[in-house]
Amino acid sequence: VAFGSMNERAVPVRVGGKPYRGKIEVFVNSRGTLTVVNAVKLEDYVRGVVPNELSLPALEAQKAQAIAARTYAVANIGQFAAQGFDLLPTVRSQVYRGVASENPTATRAVEETRGIVGTY
């Protein structure tokens, strides 16, 4: 089952009172319990990661973190595919807290680095 908002920018979907962009998917996992997944676009995901991974308020530092977070996400898509999702919202993957953790500096950093990932 998937839940979403008709206008996620103005009225994001909420889980446990916390707002999230994208859709919330709920399914029964292999243990017979429910798994709740936030299916979100990459750039919106990064907006919910950067403020939680870096406490430095400097824009350039946050830009570097946005690129690092985006690179990690792209490189690890499908890491938990067997469980039905890509990444965990914890330090085991990246600390993602959705809309509630977003801030203007981090959002600007994400927007100014949109689509940039590290490669070698």
PDB file of N, CA and C in Angstrom:
ATOM      1  N   VAL A   1       0.854  -1.161   0.000  1.00  0.00           N
ATOM      2  CA  VAL A   1       0.000   0.000   0.000  1.00  0.00           C
ATOM      3  C   VAL A   1       0.902   1.226   0.000  1.00  0.00           C
ATOM      4  N   ALA A   2       0.557   2.236  -0.793  1.00  0.00           N
ATOM      5  CA  ALA A   2       1.339   3.472  -0.846  1.00  0.00           C
ATOM      6  C   ALA A   2       0.452   4.658  -0.499  1.00  0.00           C
ATOM      7  N   PHE A   3       0.997   5.578   0.249  1.00  0.00           N
ATOM      8  CA  PHE A   3       0.296   6.795   0.641  1.00  0.00           C
ATOM      9  C   PHE A   3       1.134   7.983   0.208  1.00  0.00           C
ATOM     10  N   GLY A   4       0.479   9.022  -0.240  1.00  0.00           N
ATOM     11  CA  GLY A   4       1.199  10.225  -0.624  1.00  0.00           C
ATOM     12  C   GLY A   4       0.297  11.433  -0.501  1.00  0.00           C
ATOM     13  N   SER A   5       0.871  12.589  -0.720  1.00  0.00           N
ATOM     14  CA  SER A   5       0.140  13.844  -0.658  1.00  0.00           C
ATOM     15  C   SER A   5      -0.041  14.373  -2.072  1.00  0.00           C
ATOM     16  N   MET A   6      -1.159  15.007  -2.327  1.00  0.00           N
ATOM     17  CA  MET A   6      -1.383  15.634  -3.633  1.00  0.00           C
ATOM     18  C   MET A   6      -0.455  16.835  -3.814  1.00  0.00           C
ATOM     19  N   ASN A   7      -0.008  17.434  -2.712  1.00  0.00           N
ATOM     20  CA  ASN A   7       0.890  18.585  -2.763  1.00  0.00           C
ATOM     21  C   ASN A   7       1.953  18.400  -1.680  1.00  0.00           C
ATOM     22  N   GLU A   8       2.963  17.571  -1.976  1.00  0.00           N
ATOM     23  CA  GLU A   8       3.942  17.209  -0.945  1.00  0.00           C
ATOM     24  C   GLU A   8       4.798  18.377  -0.483  1.00  0.00           C
ATOM     25  N   ARG A   9       4.944  19.427  -1.290  1.00  0.00           N
ATOM     26  CA  ARG A   9       5.722  20.597  -0.852  1.00  0.00           C
ATOM     27  C   ARG A   9       4.988  21.353   0.251  1.00  0.00           C
ATOM     28  N   ALA A  10       3.694  21.537   0.076  1.00  0.00           N
ATOM     29  CA  ALA A  10       2.906  22.289   1.056  1.00  0.00           C
ATOM     30  C   ALA A  10       2.400  21.403   2.194  1.00  0.00           C
ATOM     31  N   VAL A  11       2.026  20.160   1.864  1.00  0.00           N
ATOM     32  CA  VAL A  11       1.452  19.256   2.853  1.00  0.00           C
ATOM     33  C   VAL A  11       2.091  17.874   2.685  1.00  0.00           C
ATOM     34  N   PRO A  12       3.277  17.684   3.245  1.00  0.00           N
ATOM     35  CA  PRO A  12       3.931  16.378   3.105  1.00  0.00           C
ATOM     36  C   PRO A  12       3.192  15.300   3.896  1.00  0.00           C
ATOM     37  N   VAL A  13       3.371  14.059   3.475  1.00  0.00           N
ATOM     38  CA  VAL A  13       2.758  12.934   4.179  1.00  0.00           C
ATOM     39  C   VAL A  13       3.460  12.778   5.533  1.00  0.00           C
ATOM     40  N   ARG A  14       2.733  12.329   6.546  1.00  0.00           N
ATOM     41  CA  ARG A  14       3.296  12.197   7.888  1.00  0.00           C
ATOM     42  C   ARG A  14       3.237  10.754   8.363  1.00  0.00           C
ATOM     43  N   VAL A  15       4.306  10.365   9.069  1.00  0.00           N
ATOM     44  CA  VAL A  15       4.377   9.049   9.708  1.00  0.00           C
ATOM     45  C   VAL A  15       4.814   9.307  11.138  1.00  0.00           C
ATOM     46  N   GLY A  16       4.027   8.870  12.078  1.00  0.00           N
ATOM     47  CA  GLY A  16       4.346   9.127  13.477  1.00  0.00           C
ATOM     48  C   GLY A  16       4.462  10.613  13.771  1.00  0.00           C
ATOM     49  N   GLY A  17       3.702  11.426  13.050  1.00  0.00           N
ATOM     50  CA  GLY A  17       3.727  12.870  13.240  1.00  0.00           C
ATOM     51  C   GLY A  17       4.855  13.582  12.520  1.00  0.00           C
ATOM     52  N   LYS A  18       5.787  12.843  11.900  1.00  0.00           N
ATOM     53  CA  LYS A  18       6.926  13.450  11.210  1.00  0.00           C
ATOM     54  C   LYS A  18       6.643  13.561   9.717  1.00  0.00           C
ATOM     55  N   PRO A  19       6.929  14.731   9.108  1.00  0.00           N
ATOM     56  CA  PRO A  19       6.636  14.936   7.687  1.00  0.00           C
ATOM     57  C   PRO A  19       7.726  14.379   6.759  1.00  0.00           C
ATOM     58  N   TYR A  20       7.277  13.799   5.638  1.00  0.00           N
ATOM     59  CA  TYR A  20       8.180  13.242   4.633  1.00  0.00           C
ATOM     60  C   TYR A  20       7.706  13.619   3.240  1.00  0.00           C
ATOM     61  N   ARG A  21       8.647  13.816   2.344  1.00  0.00           N
ATOM     62  CA  ARG A  21       8.329  14.043   0.937  1.00  0.00           C
ATOM     63  C   ARG A  21       8.132  12.686   0.266  1.00  0.00           C
ATOM     64  N   GLY A  22       7.609  12.703  -0.940  1.00  0.00           N
ATOM     65  CA  GLY A  22       7.433  11.465  -1.682  1.00  0.00           C
ATOM     66  C   GLY A  22       6.256  10.670  -1.170  1.00  0.00           C
ATOM     67  N   LYS A  23       6.379   9.364  -1.254  1.00  0.00           N
ATOM     68  CA  LYS A  23       5.305   8.465  -0.836  1.00  0.00           C
ATOM     69  C   LYS A  23       5.772   7.591   0.317  1.00  0.00           C
ATOM     70  N   ILE A  24       4.817   7.130   1.086  1.00  0.00           N
ATOM     71  CA  ILE A  24       5.082   6.163   2.139  1.00  0.00           C
ATOM     72  C   ILE A  24       4.519   4.831   1.660  1.00  0.00           C
ATOM     73  N   GLU A  25       5.366   3.828   1.603  1.00  0.00           N
ATOM     74  CA  GLU A  25       4.940   2.491   1.200  1.00  0.00           C
ATOM     75  C   GLU A  25       4.959   1.589   2.433  1.00  0.00           C
ATOM     76  N   VAL A  26       3.937   0.790   2.582  1.00  0.00           N
ATOM     77  CA  VAL A  26       3.832  -0.127   3.717  1.00  0.00           C
ATOM     78  C   VAL A  26       3.560  -1.520   3.160  1.00  0.00           C
ATOM     79  N   PHE A  27       4.363  -2.485   3.611  1.00  0.00           N
ATOM     80  CA  PHE A  27       4.164  -3.862   3.154  1.00  0.00           C
ATOM     81  C   PHE A  27       4.547  -4.840   4.256  1.00  0.00           C
ATOM     82  N   VAL A  28       4.053  -6.060   4.111  1.00  0.00           N
ATOM     83  CA  VAL A  28       4.377  -7.126   5.059  1.00  0.00           C
ATOM     84  C   VAL A  28       5.712  -7.727   4.634  1.00  0.00           C
ATOM     85  N   ASN A  29       6.666  -7.759   5.552  1.00  0.00           N
ATOM     86  CA  ASN A  29       7.994  -8.283   5.241  1.00  0.00           C
ATOM     87  C   ASN A  29       8.063  -9.792   5.504  1.00  0.00           C
ATOM     88  N   SER A  30       9.239 -10.360   5.303  1.00  0.00           N
ATOM     89  CA  SER A  30       9.424 -11.816   5.444  1.00  0.00           C
ATOM     90  C   SER A  30       9.233 -12.316   6.877  1.00  0.00           C
ATOM     91  N   ARG A  31       9.281 -11.422   7.856  1.00  0.00           N
ATOM     92  CA  ARG A  31       9.047 -11.801   9.253  1.00  0.00           C
ATOM     93  C   ARG A  31       7.572 -11.711   9.634  1.00  0.00           C
ATOM     94  N   GLY A  32       6.745 -11.268   8.677  1.00  0.00           N
ATOM     95  CA  GLY A  32       5.318 -11.128   8.941  1.00  0.00           C
ATOM     96  C   GLY A  32       4.947  -9.838   9.630  1.00  0.00           C
ATOM     97  N   THR A  33       5.890  -8.908   9.731  1.00  0.00           N
ATOM     98  CA  THR A  33       5.604  -7.605  10.319  1.00  0.00           C
ATOM     99  C   THR A  33       5.577  -6.554   9.206  1.00  0.00           C
ATOM    100  N   LEU A  34       5.195  -5.348   9.546  1.00  0.00           N
ATOM    101  CA  LEU A  34       5.114  -4.289   8.545  1.00  0.00           C
ATOM    102  C   LEU A  34       6.439  -3.560   8.386  1.00  0.00           C
ATOM    103  N   THR A  35       6.769  -3.257   7.161  1.00  0.00           N
ATOM    104  CA  THR A  35       7.910  -2.400   6.848  1.00  0.00           C
ATOM    105  C   THR A  35       7.345  -1.116   6.261  1.00  0.00           C
ATOM    106  N   VAL A  36       7.834   0.025   6.730  1.00  0.00           N
ATOM    107  CA  VAL A  36       7.402   1.329   6.241  1.00  0.00           C
ATOM    108  C   VAL A  36       8.594   1.963   5.532  1.00  0.00           C
ATOM    109  N   VAL A  37       8.394   2.333   4.264  1.00  0.00           N
ATOM    110  CA  VAL A  37       9.463   2.876   3.430  1.00  0.00           C
ATOM    111  C   VAL A  37       9.050   4.236   2.905  1.00  0.00           C
ATOM    112  N   ASN A  38       9.964   5.189   2.947  1.00  0.00           N
ATOM    113  CA  ASN A  38       9.738   6.497   2.324  1.00  0.00           C
ATOM    114  C   ASN A  38      10.354   6.449   0.930  1.00  0.00           C
ATOM    115  N   ALA A  39       9.516   6.341  -0.091  1.00  0.00           N
ATOM    116  CA  ALA A  39       9.973   6.355  -1.487  1.00  0.00           C
ATOM    117  C   ALA A  39      10.041   7.815  -1.912  1.00  0.00           C
ATOM    118  N   VAL A  40      11.263   8.301  -2.092  1.00  0.00           N
ATOM    119  CA  VAL A  40      11.469   9.731  -2.312  1.00  0.00           C
ATOM    120  C   VAL A  40      12.479   9.944  -3.440  1.00  0.00           C
ATOM    121  N   LYS A  41      12.344  11.052  -4.145  1.00  0.00           N
ATOM    122  CA  LYS A  41      13.290  11.398  -5.203  1.00  0.00           C
ATOM    123  C   LYS A  41      14.660  11.653  -4.583  1.00  0.00           C
ATOM    124  N   LEU A  42      15.706  11.385  -5.356  1.00  0.00           N
ATOM    125  CA  LEU A  42      17.079  11.501  -4.855  1.00  0.00           C
ATOM    126  C   LEU A  42      17.372  12.867  -4.250  1.00  0.00           C
ATOM    127  N   GLU A  43      17.048  13.936  -4.930  1.00  0.00           N
ATOM    128  CA  GLU A  43      17.382  15.270  -4.418  1.00  0.00           C
ATOM    129  C   GLU A  43      16.633  15.584  -3.128  1.00  0.00           C
ATOM    130  N   ASP A  44      15.392  15.125  -3.018  1.00  0.00           N
ATOM    131  CA  ASP A  44      14.647  15.323  -1.771  1.00  0.00           C
ATOM    132  C   ASP A  44      15.235  14.476  -0.648  1.00  0.00           C
ATOM    133  N   TYR A  45      15.703  13.287  -0.995  1.00  0.00           N
ATOM    134  CA  TYR A  45      16.382  12.441  -0.009  1.00  0.00           C
ATOM    135  C   TYR A  45      17.625  13.160   0.529  1.00  0.00           C
ATOM    136  N   VAL A  46      18.431  13.699  -0.364  1.00  0.00           N
ATOM    137  CA  VAL A  46      19.665  14.382   0.047  1.00  0.00           C
ATOM    138  C   VAL A  46      19.337  15.581   0.933  1.00  0.00           C
ATOM    139  N   ARG A  47      18.244  16.290   0.647  1.00  0.00           N
ATOM    140  CA  ARG A  47      17.818  17.417   1.492  1.00  0.00           C
ATOM    141  C   ARG A  47      17.532  16.957   2.915  1.00  0.00           C
ATOM    142  N   GLY A  48      17.065  15.726   3.068  1.00  0.00           N
ATOM    143  CA  GLY A  48      16.773  15.184   4.395  1.00  0.00           C
ATOM    144  C   GLY A  48      17.954  14.515   5.065  1.00  0.00           C
ATOM    145  N   VAL A  49      19.103  14.450   4.349  1.00  0.00           N
ATOM    146  CA  VAL A  49      20.312  13.834   4.906  1.00  0.00           C
ATOM    147  C   VAL A  49      21.334  14.883   5.345  1.00  0.00           C
ATOM    148  N   VAL A  50      21.606  15.852   4.489  1.00  0.00           N
ATOM    149  CA  VAL A  50      22.715  16.800   4.714  1.00  0.00           C
ATOM    150  C   VAL A  50      22.696  17.436   6.098  1.00  0.00           C
ATOM    151  N   PRO A  51      21.581  17.981   6.588  1.00  0.00           N
ATOM    152  CA  PRO A  51      21.615  18.616   7.912  1.00  0.00           C
ATOM    153  C   PRO A  51      21.910  17.651   9.059  1.00  0.00           C
ATOM    154  N   ASN A  52      21.693  16.361   8.832  1.00  0.00           N
ATOM    155  CA  ASN A  52      21.891  15.367   9.888  1.00  0.00           C
ATOM    156  C   ASN A  52      23.289  14.758   9.868  1.00  0.00           C
ATOM    157  N   GLU A  53      23.970  14.900   8.769  1.00  0.00           N
ATOM    158  CA  GLU A  53      25.305  14.322   8.620  1.00  0.00           C
ATOM    159  C   GLU A  53      26.408  15.338   8.888  1.00  0.00           C
ATOM    160  N   LEU A  54      26.070  16.620   8.848  1.00  0.00           N
ATOM    161  CA  LEU A  54      27.079  17.665   9.001  1.00  0.00           C
ATOM    162  C   LEU A  54      26.499  18.829   9.796  1.00  0.00           C
ATOM    163  N   SER A  55      27.148  19.181  10.881  1.00  0.00           N
ATOM    164  CA  SER A  55      26.635  20.276  11.707  1.00  0.00           C
ATOM    165  C   SER A  55      27.275  21.620  11.378  1.00  0.00           C
ATOM    166  N   LEU A  56      28.255  21.650  10.475  1.00  0.00           N
ATOM    167  CA  LEU A  56      28.877  22.919  10.096  1.00  0.00           C
ATOM    168  C   LEU A  56      27.892  23.743   9.278  1.00  0.00           C
ATOM    169  N   PRO A  57      27.674  25.007   9.653  1.00  0.00           N
ATOM    170  CA  PRO A  57      26.694  25.810   8.932  1.00  0.00           C
ATOM    171  C   PRO A  57      27.229  26.430   7.631  1.00  0.00           C
ATOM    172  N   ALA A  58      28.516  26.282   7.334  1.00  0.00           N
ATOM    173  CA  ALA A  58      29.104  26.902   6.149  1.00  0.00           C
ATOM    174  C   ALA A  58      28.545  26.282   4.869  1.00  0.00           C
ATOM    175  N   LEU A  59      28.128  27.138   3.942  1.00  0.00           N
ATOM    176  CA  LEU A  59      27.516  26.673   2.704  1.00  0.00           C
ATOM    177  C   LEU A  59      28.437  25.744   1.924  1.00  0.00           C
ATOM    178  N   GLU A  60      29.702  26.084   1.778  1.00  0.00           N
ATOM    179  CA  GLU A  60      30.607  25.247   0.979  1.00  0.00           C
ATOM    180  C   GLU A  60      30.804  23.864   1.598  1.00  0.00           C
ATOM    181  N   ALA A  61      30.834  23.803   2.916  1.00  0.00           N
ATOM    182  CA  ALA A  61      30.943  22.499   3.587  1.00  0.00           C
ATOM    183  C   ALA A  61      29.675  21.686   3.335  1.00  0.00           C
ATOM    184  N   GLN A  62      28.536  22.337   3.366  1.00  0.00           N
ATOM    185  CA  GLN A  62      27.285  21.635   3.128  1.00  0.00           C
ATOM    186  C   GLN A  62      27.166  21.193   1.668  1.00  0.00           C
ATOM    187  N   LYS A  63      27.742  21.962   0.754  1.00  0.00           N
ATOM    188  CA  LYS A  63      27.764  21.540  -0.653  1.00  0.00           C
ATOM    189  C   LYS A  63      28.576  20.259  -0.795  1.00  0.00           C
ATOM    190  N   ALA A  64      29.728  20.219  -0.138  1.00  0.00           N
ATOM    191  CA  ALA A  64      30.561  19.014  -0.183  1.00  0.00           C
ATOM    192  C   ALA A  64      29.803  17.825   0.412  1.00  0.00           C
ATOM    193  N   GLN A  65      29.082  18.062   1.487  1.00  0.00           N
ATOM    194  CA  GLN A  65      28.306  16.990   2.109  1.00  0.00           C
ATOM    195  C   GLN A  65      27.169  16.544   1.198  1.00  0.00           C
ATOM    196  N   ALA A  66      26.550  17.476   0.504  1.00  0.00           N
ATOM    197  CA  ALA A  66      25.469  17.122  -0.424  1.00  0.00           C
ATOM    198  C   ALA A  66      25.997  16.205  -1.523  1.00  0.00           C
ATOM    199  N   ILE A  67      27.151  16.531  -2.063  1.00  0.00           N
ATOM    200  CA  ILE A  67      27.750  15.693  -3.104  1.00  0.00           C
ATOM    201  C   ILE A  67      28.112  14.324  -2.535  1.00  0.00           C
ATOM    202  N   ALA A  68      28.679  14.302  -1.337  1.00  0.00           N
ATOM    203  CA  ALA A  68      29.038  13.025  -0.702  1.00  0.00           C
ATOM    204  C   ALA A  68      27.789  12.191  -0.424  1.00  0.00           C
ATOM    205  N   ALA A  69      26.743  12.805   0.091  1.00  0.00           N
ATOM    206  CA  ALA A  69      25.505  12.081   0.411  1.00  0.00           C
ATOM    207  C   ALA A  69      24.853  11.538  -0.858  1.00  0.00           C
ATOM    208  N   ARG A  70      24.813  12.357  -1.903  1.00  0.00           N
ATOM    209  CA  ARG A  70      24.231  11.924  -3.168  1.00  0.00           C
ATOM    210  C   ARG A  70      25.036  10.776  -3.762  1.00  0.00           C
ATOM    211  N   THR A  71      26.368  10.897  -3.718  1.00  0.00           N
ATOM    212  CA  THR A  71      27.252   9.850  -4.245  1.00  0.00           C
ATOM    213  C   THR A  71      27.034   8.543  -3.500  1.00  0.00           C
ATOM    214  N   TYR A  72      26.958   8.607  -2.178  1.00  0.00           N
ATOM    215  CA  TYR A  72      26.728   7.406  -1.372  1.00  0.00           C
ATOM    216  C   TYR A  72      25.392   6.770  -1.743  1.00  0.00           C
ATOM    217  N   ALA A  73      24.357   7.588  -1.850  1.00  0.00           N
ATOM    218  CA  ALA A  73      23.028   7.062  -2.164  1.00  0.00           C
ATOM    219  C   ALA A  73      23.019   6.359  -3.519  1.00  0.00           C
ATOM    220  N   VAL A  74      23.597   6.987  -4.526  1.00  0.00           N
ATOM    221  CA  VAL A  74      23.626   6.391  -5.866  1.00  0.00           C
ATOM    222  C   VAL A  74      24.442   5.098  -5.862  1.00  0.00           C
ATOM    223  N   ALA A  75      25.570   5.106  -5.188  1.00  0.00           N
ATOM    224  CA  ALA A  75      26.443   3.921  -5.155  1.00  0.00           C
ATOM    225  C   ALA A  75      25.822   2.765  -4.380  1.00  0.00           C
ATOM    226  N   ASN A  76      24.896   3.060  -3.480  1.00  0.00           N
ATOM    227  CA  ASN A  76      24.338   2.013  -2.618  1.00  0.00           C
ATOM    228  C   ASN A  76      22.871   1.702  -2.874  1.00  0.00           C
ATOM    229  N   ILE A  77      22.337   2.195  -3.980  1.00  0.00           N
ATOM    230  CA  ILE A  77      20.953   1.853  -4.328  1.00  0.00           C
ATOM    231  C   ILE A  77      20.843   0.333  -4.405  1.00  0.00           C
ATOM    232  N   GLY A  78      19.818  -0.184  -3.768  1.00  0.00           N
ATOM    233  CA  GLY A  78      19.592  -1.625  -3.780  1.00  0.00           C
ATOM    234  C   GLY A  78      20.335  -2.397  -2.708  1.00  0.00           C
ATOM    235  N   GLN A  79      21.050  -1.701  -1.836  1.00  0.00           N
ATOM    236  CA  GLN A  79      21.820  -2.377  -0.791  1.00  0.00           C
ATOM    237  C   GLN A  79      20.953  -3.299   0.066  1.00  0.00           C
ATOM    238  N   PHE A  80      19.711  -2.919   0.275  1.00  0.00           N
ATOM    239  CA  PHE A  80      18.796  -3.720   1.086  1.00  0.00           C
ATOM    240  C   PHE A  80      17.601  -4.180   0.241  1.00  0.00           C
ATOM    241  N   ALA A  81      17.847  -4.446  -1.019  1.00  0.00           N
ATOM    242  CA  ALA A  81      16.770  -4.827  -1.950  1.00  0.00           C
ATOM    243  C   ALA A  81      15.994  -6.050  -1.472  1.00  0.00           C
ATOM    244  N   ALA A  82      16.675  -6.986  -0.851  1.00  0.00           N
ATOM    245  CA  ALA A  82      16.003  -8.194  -0.364  1.00  0.00           C
ATOM    246  C   ALA A  82      14.941  -7.857   0.690  1.00  0.00           C
ATOM    247  N   GLN A  83      15.122  -6.728   1.381  1.00  0.00           N
ATOM    248  CA  GLN A  83      14.139  -6.303   2.385  1.00  0.00           C
ATOM    249  C   GLN A  83      13.109  -5.329   1.804  1.00  0.00           C
ATOM    250  N   GLY A  84      13.282  -4.927   0.535  1.00  0.00           N
ATOM    251  CA  GLY A  84      12.298  -4.074  -0.108  1.00  0.00           C
ATOM    252  C   GLY A  84      12.582  -2.586  -0.080  1.00  0.00           C
ATOM    253  N   PHE A  85      13.813  -2.197   0.233  1.00  0.00           N
ATOM    254  CA  PHE A  85      14.175  -0.777   0.236  1.00  0.00           C
ATOM    255  C   PHE A  85      15.651  -0.649  -0.097  1.00  0.00           C
ATOM    256  N   ASP A  86      16.124   0.589  -0.274  1.00  0.00           N
ATOM    257  CA  ASP A  86      17.502   0.821  -0.699  1.00  0.00           C
ATOM    258  C   ASP A  86      18.469   1.116   0.445  1.00  0.00           C
ATOM    259  N   LEU A  87      18.092   2.012   1.334  1.00  0.00           N
ATOM    260  CA  LEU A  87      18.986   2.478   2.391  1.00  0.00           C
ATOM    261  C   LEU A  87      18.251   2.561   3.723  1.00  0.00           C
ATOM    262  N   LEU A  88      19.010   2.485   4.799  1.00  0.00           N
ATOM    263  CA  LEU A  88      18.457   2.683   6.139  1.00  0.00           C
ATOM    264  C   LEU A  88      18.581   4.161   6.507  1.00  0.00           C
ATOM    265  N   PRO A  89      17.676   4.693   7.324  1.00  0.00           N
ATOM    266  CA  PRO A  89      17.747   6.103   7.711  1.00  0.00           C
ATOM    267  C   PRO A  89      18.624   6.344   8.946  1.00  0.00           C
ATOM    268  N   THR A  90      19.653   5.525   9.114  1.00  0.00           N
ATOM    269  CA  THR A  90      20.501   5.580  10.308  1.00  0.00           C
ATOM    270  C   THR A  90      21.969   5.677   9.893  1.00  0.00           C
ATOM    271  N   VAL A  91      22.861   5.706  10.855  1.00  0.00           N
ATOM    272  CA  VAL A  91      24.292   5.763  10.559  1.00  0.00           C
ATOM    273  C   VAL A  91      24.781   4.526   9.804  1.00  0.00           C
ATOM    274  N   ARG A  92      23.999   3.478   9.779  1.00  0.00           N
ATOM    275  CA  ARG A  92      24.385   2.295   9.000  1.00  0.00           C
ATOM    276  C   ARG A  92      24.385   2.618   7.499  1.00  0.00           C
ATOM    277  N   SER A  93      23.549   3.558   7.079  1.00  0.00           N
ATOM    278  CA  SER A  93      23.554   4.079   5.715  1.00  0.00           C
ATOM    279  C   SER A  93      23.856   5.568   5.832  1.00  0.00           C
ATOM    280  N   GLN A  94      22.796   6.379   5.847  1.00  0.00           N
ATOM    281  CA  GLN A  94      22.928   7.819   6.076  1.00  0.00           C
ATOM    282  C   GLN A  94      21.772   8.238   6.984  1.00  0.00           C
ATOM    283  N   VAL A  95      22.009   9.223   7.829  1.00  0.00           N
ATOM    284  CA  VAL A  95      20.969   9.672   8.746  1.00  0.00           C
ATOM    285  C   VAL A  95      19.983  10.544   7.973  1.00  0.00           C
ATOM    286  N   TYR A  96      18.806   9.974   7.735  1.00  0.00           N
ATOM    287  CA  TYR A  96      17.745  10.652   6.975  1.00  0.00           C
ATOM    288  C   TYR A  96      16.565  10.876   7.904  1.00  0.00           C
ATOM    289  N   ARG A  97      16.108  12.114   7.990  1.00  0.00           N
ATOM    290  CA  ARG A  97      14.988  12.424   8.883  1.00  0.00           C
ATOM    291  C   ARG A  97      13.869  13.171   8.182  1.00  0.00           C
ATOM    292  N   GLY A  98      13.902  13.237   6.864  1.00  0.00           N
ATOM    293  CA  GLY A  98      12.814  13.860   6.117  1.00  0.00           C
ATOM    294  C   GLY A  98      12.748  15.366   6.269  1.00  0.00           C
ATOM    295  N   VAL A  99      11.563  15.895   6.035  1.00  0.00           N
ATOM    296  CA  VAL A  99      11.326  17.339   5.992  1.00  0.00           C
ATOM    297  C   VAL A  99      11.685  18.030   7.305  1.00  0.00           C
ATOM    298  N   ALA A 100      11.406  17.404   8.423  1.00  0.00           N
ATOM    299  CA  ALA A 100      11.603  18.038   9.734  1.00  0.00           C
ATOM    300  C   ALA A 100      13.036  18.481   9.965  1.00  0.00           C
ATOM    301  N   SER A 101      13.993  17.818   9.336  1.00  0.00           N
ATOM    302  CA  SER A 101      15.396  18.166   9.576  1.00  0.00           C
ATOM    303  C   SER A 101      15.962  19.135   8.539  1.00  0.00           C
ATOM    304  N   GLU A 102      15.207  19.428   7.498  1.00  0.00           N
ATOM    305  CA  GLU A 102      15.707  20.318   6.448  1.00  0.00           C
ATOM    306  C   GLU A 102      15.919  21.725   6.995  1.00  0.00           C
ATOM    307  N   ASN A 103      16.902  22.415   6.410  1.00  0.00           N
ATOM    308  CA  ASN A 103      17.120  23.819   6.766  1.00  0.00           C
ATOM    309  C   ASN A 103      17.529  24.578   5.504  1.00  0.00           C
ATOM    310  N   PRO A 104      17.400  25.904   5.507  1.00  0.00           N
ATOM    311  CA  PRO A 104      17.657  26.680   4.289  1.00  0.00           C
ATOM    312  C   PRO A 104      19.073  26.537   3.723  1.00  0.00           C
ATOM    313  N   THR A 105      20.094  26.478   4.570  1.00  0.00           N
ATOM    314  CA  THR A 105      21.466  26.360   4.063  1.00  0.00           C
ATOM    315  C   THR A 105      21.682  25.013   3.396  1.00  0.00           C
ATOM    316  N   ALA A 106      21.224  23.952   4.024  1.00  0.00           N
ATOM    317  CA  ALA A 106      21.382  22.624   3.435  1.00  0.00           C
ATOM    318  C   ALA A 106      20.586  22.509   2.143  1.00  0.00           C
ATOM    319  N   THR A 107      19.384  23.060   2.122  1.00  0.00           N
ATOM    320  CA  THR A 107      18.569  23.026   0.903  1.00  0.00           C
ATOM    321  C   THR A 107      19.263  23.782  -0.219  1.00  0.00           C
ATOM    322  N   ARG A 108      19.835  24.926   0.083  1.00  0.00           N
ATOM    323  CA  ARG A 108      20.582  25.686  -0.929  1.00  0.00           C
ATOM    324  C   ARG A 108      21.768  24.874  -1.435  1.00  0.00           C
ATOM    325  N   ALA A 109      22.479  24.227  -0.521  1.00  0.00           N
ATOM    326  CA  ALA A 109      23.637  23.402  -0.907  1.00  0.00           C
ATOM    327  C   ALA A 109      23.215  22.280  -1.841  1.00  0.00           C
ATOM    328  N   VAL A 110      22.103  21.639  -1.548  1.00  0.00           N
ATOM    329  CA  VAL A 110      21.606  20.552  -2.395  1.00  0.00           C
ATOM    330  C   VAL A 110      21.210  21.098  -3.763  1.00  0.00           C
ATOM    331  N   GLU A 111      20.511  22.206  -3.780  1.00  0.00           N
ATOM    332  CA  GLU A 111      20.077  22.797  -5.051  1.00  0.00           C
ATOM    333  C   GLU A 111      21.264  23.238  -5.903  1.00  0.00           C
ATOM    334  N   GLU A 112      22.281  23.813  -5.285  1.00  0.00           N
ATOM    335  CA  GLU A 112      23.437  24.317  -6.031  1.00  0.00           C
ATOM    336  C   GLU A 112      24.371  23.208  -6.515  1.00  0.00           C
ATOM    337  N   THR A 113      24.188  21.993  -6.003  1.00  0.00           N
ATOM    338  CA  THR A 113      25.009  20.855  -6.451  1.00  0.00           C
ATOM    339  C   THR A 113      24.157  19.789  -7.120  1.00  0.00           C
ATOM    340  N   ARG A 114      22.932  20.131  -7.454  1.00  0.00           N
ATOM    341  CA  ARG A 114      21.964  19.161  -8.011  1.00  0.00           C
ATOM    342  C   ARG A 114      22.601  18.275  -9.071  1.00  0.00           C
ATOM    343  N   GLY A 115      22.466  16.956  -8.864  1.00  0.00           N
ATOM    344  CA  GLY A 115      22.927  15.984  -9.844  1.00  0.00           C
ATOM    345  C   GLY A 115      24.413  15.677  -9.828  1.00  0.00           C
ATOM    346  N   ILE A 116      25.190  16.362  -9.017  1.00  0.00           N
ATOM    347  CA  ILE A 116      26.637  16.124  -8.991  1.00  0.00           C
ATOM    348  C   ILE A 116      26.951  14.953  -8.054  1.00  0.00           C
ATOM    349  N   VAL A 117      27.697  13.982  -8.587  1.00  0.00           N
ATOM    350  CA  VAL A 117      28.166  12.855  -7.791  1.00  0.00           C
ATOM    351  C   VAL A 117      29.661  12.688  -8.034  1.00  0.00           C
ATOM    352  N   GLY A 118      30.323  12.103  -7.063  1.00  0.00           N
ATOM    353  CA  GLY A 118      31.753  11.828  -7.189  1.00  0.00           C
ATOM    354  C   GLY A 118      31.955  10.528  -7.958  1.00  0.00           C
ATOM    355  N   THR A 119      32.920  10.521  -8.844  1.00  0.00           N
ATOM    356  CA  THR A 119      33.267   9.313  -9.589  1.00  0.00           C
ATOM    357  C   THR A 119      34.785   9.179  -9.618  1.00  0.00           C
ATOM    358  N   TYR A 120      35.248   8.017  -9.983  1.00  0.00           N
ATOM    359  CA  TYR A 120      36.680   7.814 -10.158  1.00  0.00           C
ATOM    360  C   TYR A 120      36.915   6.843 -11.275  1.00  0.00           C
TER     361      TYR A 120
END
